[in-house]
Protein backbone atom coordinates (compact mmCIF):
# COMPACT_ATOMS: atom_id res chain seq x y z
CA UNK A 1 152.29 48.22 46.83
CA UNK A 2 153.17 51.58 46.13
CA UNK A 3 151.57 54.36 47.69
CA UNK A 4 149.63 57.19 46.81
CA UNK A 5 152.84 59.39 48.40
CA UNK A 6 154.30 57.85 46.30
CA UNK A 7 152.92 58.11 42.87
CA UNK A 8 152.23 62.24 43.58
CA UNK A 9 155.74 62.55 44.40
CA UNK A 10 156.97 61.02 41.25
CA UNK A 11 153.72 62.18 39.15
CA UNK A 12 155.92 63.63 36.20
CA UNK A 13 157.57 59.94 36.00
CA UNK A 14 153.97 58.03 36.58
CA UNK A 15 152.59 60.98 33.30
CA UNK A 16 155.63 59.93 31.29
CA UNK A 17 155.62 56.48 31.68
CA UNK A 18 151.88 56.43 30.57
CA UNK A 19 152.41 58.57 27.94
CA UNK A 20 155.19 55.92 26.50
CA UNK A 21 152.42 53.12 26.91
CA UNK A 22 149.26 54.90 25.14
CA UNK A 23 151.34 55.63 22.02
CA UNK A 24 152.47 52.29 22.07
CA UNK A 25 148.90 50.45 23.00
CA UNK A 26 147.34 52.97 20.56
CA UNK A 27 150.46 52.13 17.81
CA UNK A 28 150.21 48.57 18.15
CA UNK A 29 146.20 48.07 18.04
CA UNK A 30 146.25 49.60 14.63
CA UNK A 31 149.18 47.83 13.63
CA UNK A 32 147.57 44.73 14.22
CA UNK A 33 144.17 44.91 12.68
CA UNK A 34 143.69 42.50 9.15
CA UNK A 35 145.36 45.70 7.44
CA UNK A 36 148.21 46.80 9.51
CA UNK A 37 148.41 50.96 9.44
CA UNK A 38 150.40 53.06 10.94
CA UNK A 39 149.70 56.73 13.30
CA UNK A 40 152.01 59.50 12.86
CA UNK A 41 153.00 60.63 17.06
CA UNK A 42 154.47 63.71 17.66
CA UNK A 43 155.66 64.65 21.15
CA UNK A 44 155.18 68.74 22.37
CA UNK A 45 158.38 70.16 23.19
CA UNK A 46 156.38 72.79 25.20
CA UNK A 47 153.04 72.91 26.43
CA UNK A 48 151.56 76.35 26.12
CA UNK A 49 148.51 75.57 25.09
CA UNK A 50 147.82 71.63 27.28
CA UNK A 51 149.00 69.93 23.96
CA UNK A 52 151.07 66.83 24.94
CA UNK A 53 150.79 64.74 22.57
CA UNK A 54 149.81 64.97 18.83
CA UNK A 55 148.54 61.70 16.90
CA UNK A 56 147.24 61.61 13.14
CA UNK A 57 145.42 58.79 11.48
CA UNK A 58 144.31 58.65 7.71
CA UNK A 59 142.90 62.37 8.18
CA UNK A 60 141.91 62.75 11.45
CA UNK A 61 144.81 64.49 14.24
CA UNK A 62 144.31 64.89 17.65
CA UNK A 63 145.88 67.35 19.98
CA UNK A 64 145.90 65.32 23.14
CA UNK A 65 146.09 67.01 26.58
CA UNK A 66 147.14 63.33 28.88
CA UNK A 67 145.65 62.93 32.35
CA UNK A 68 146.75 59.45 34.97
CA UNK A 69 144.60 58.56 37.30
CA UNK A 70 145.93 54.63 39.35
CA UNK A 71 142.13 54.39 40.52
CA UNK A 72 138.37 54.52 38.64
CA UNK A 73 137.58 58.20 38.61
CA UNK A 74 137.95 60.83 41.32
CA UNK A 75 135.75 63.71 42.28
CA UNK A 76 138.69 65.93 42.22
CA UNK A 77 138.82 68.02 39.06
CA UNK A 78 142.10 68.62 36.68
CA UNK A 79 143.46 71.35 35.39
CA UNK A 80 142.94 71.29 31.53
CA UNK A 81 144.23 73.97 29.32
CA UNK A 82 140.69 75.95 28.11
CA UNK A 83 142.83 77.20 24.88
CA UNK A 84 142.07 72.71 23.84
CA UNK A 85 138.91 74.20 23.13
CA UNK A 86 140.31 76.09 19.83
CA UNK A 87 141.86 73.48 18.64
CA UNK A 88 140.70 70.82 15.97
CA UNK A 89 140.86 67.63 17.56
CA UNK A 90 141.07 68.93 20.77
CA UNK A 91 141.14 66.59 23.54
CA UNK A 92 141.63 64.93 27.27
CA UNK A 93 142.81 61.39 27.79
CA UNK A 94 142.65 60.15 31.07
CA UNK A 95 144.49 57.09 31.63
CA UNK A 96 143.06 54.90 34.45
CA UNK A 97 145.93 52.18 35.54
CA UNK A 98 146.36 49.54 37.84
CA UNK A 99 148.85 50.66 40.83
CA UNK A 100 150.22 47.28 40.75
CA UNK A 101 150.76 46.55 37.38
CA UNK A 102 150.77 49.84 36.01
CA UNK A 103 148.74 48.78 32.76
CA UNK A 104 145.73 50.25 31.72
CA UNK A 105 142.37 49.38 32.67
CA UNK A 106 140.34 51.56 30.85
CA UNK A 107 139.81 55.46 29.34
CA UNK A 108 138.12 58.68 30.00
CA UNK A 109 137.71 61.42 27.09
CA UNK A 110 136.66 64.68 26.60
CA UNK A 111 135.97 65.97 23.26
CA UNK A 112 134.27 64.90 20.42
CA UNK A 113 135.27 62.05 17.20
CA UNK A 114 137.64 62.86 15.39
CA UNK A 115 138.33 66.53 14.21
CA UNK A 116 135.06 67.69 15.86
CA UNK A 117 136.35 70.58 18.30
CA UNK A 118 135.27 70.02 22.16
CA UNK A 119 133.16 72.05 23.68
CA UNK A 120 133.96 75.70 24.87
CA UNK A 121 135.93 74.95 28.17
CA UNK A 122 135.42 78.47 29.44
CA UNK A 123 132.07 77.10 31.07
CA UNK A 124 133.56 75.77 33.57
CA UNK A 125 135.18 76.84 37.25
CA UNK A 126 138.33 78.50 36.90
CA UNK A 127 141.37 76.36 38.02
CA UNK A 128 143.75 77.35 41.36
CA UNK A 129 147.13 76.37 42.05
CA UNK A 130 148.39 76.86 45.47
CA UNK A 131 151.01 79.64 45.56
CA UNK A 132 152.67 80.41 48.88
CA UNK A 133 150.37 78.05 50.57
CA UNK A 134 147.29 80.62 49.49
CA UNK A 135 145.11 79.58 46.45
CA UNK A 136 145.07 81.67 43.10
CA UNK A 137 143.55 81.28 39.98
CA UNK A 138 145.58 79.64 37.56
CA UNK A 139 145.00 81.88 34.76
CA UNK A 140 143.92 80.09 31.03
CA UNK A 141 143.33 76.98 32.70
CA UNK A 142 139.65 75.33 33.53
CA UNK A 143 138.80 72.80 36.94
CA UNK A 144 137.53 69.95 35.03
CA UNK A 145 136.12 66.74 36.57
CA UNK A 146 136.15 63.24 35.02
CA UNK A 147 132.49 63.28 35.27
CA UNK A 148 132.55 66.23 32.74
CA UNK A 149 134.29 63.67 30.17
CA UNK A 150 132.15 63.06 27.01
CA UNK A 151 133.19 59.19 27.07
CA UNK A 152 133.95 57.36 30.18
CA UNK A 153 135.41 53.42 31.12
CA UNK A 154 136.34 53.16 27.53
CA UNK A 155 138.56 50.37 26.32
CA UNK A 156 141.58 50.93 24.02
CA UNK A 157 139.67 49.81 21.24
CA UNK A 158 136.57 51.85 22.22
CA UNK A 159 139.19 54.82 22.70
CA UNK A 160 140.80 54.45 19.36
CA UNK A 161 137.43 54.74 17.49
CA UNK A 162 136.01 57.58 18.91
CA UNK A 163 139.79 59.66 18.72
CA UNK A 164 139.88 58.55 15.09
CA UNK A 165 135.94 58.66 14.15
CA UNK A 166 136.12 55.38 12.01
CA UNK A 167 135.22 51.89 12.94
CA UNK A 168 137.80 49.84 13.90
CA UNK A 169 137.72 46.02 12.16
CA UNK A 170 138.92 43.23 14.47
CA UNK A 171 142.44 42.84 15.82
CA UNK A 172 143.66 39.22 13.67
């Protein structure tokens, strides 16, 4: 079994792996519908506004900050870019995955349906980051917990419906 220390030491690698898995799963889901459809996917070159991934389906564009978690939930806060709340379609997606298989188990979403803006993130506490062993404020970031998400414990199908504000048909 992969240890928590290994996951922490290789968090960027794991997050990238989960991001690729997410793109694949959403794309496959939309392709396997009765009427196959495509999603446009753009990856952020520079993460200056908190956007890791941009996905457009029909007329809905989602600007997504991705978070990963190897369990169902945690009381620990995540640093989320407060600028996401000023972007149309901004949201945070937590991908929860099984530590043994690395398969996604479910998702949490902070944000509205479709192109809706997120709620104002400045209502949440300022995020901090350790600098030389001392906690210092992390400007432009807020401490967000999974319990603050509008949608928790969603299946991929439920998440896609919420992300793109559409009623999804059954997969063939």
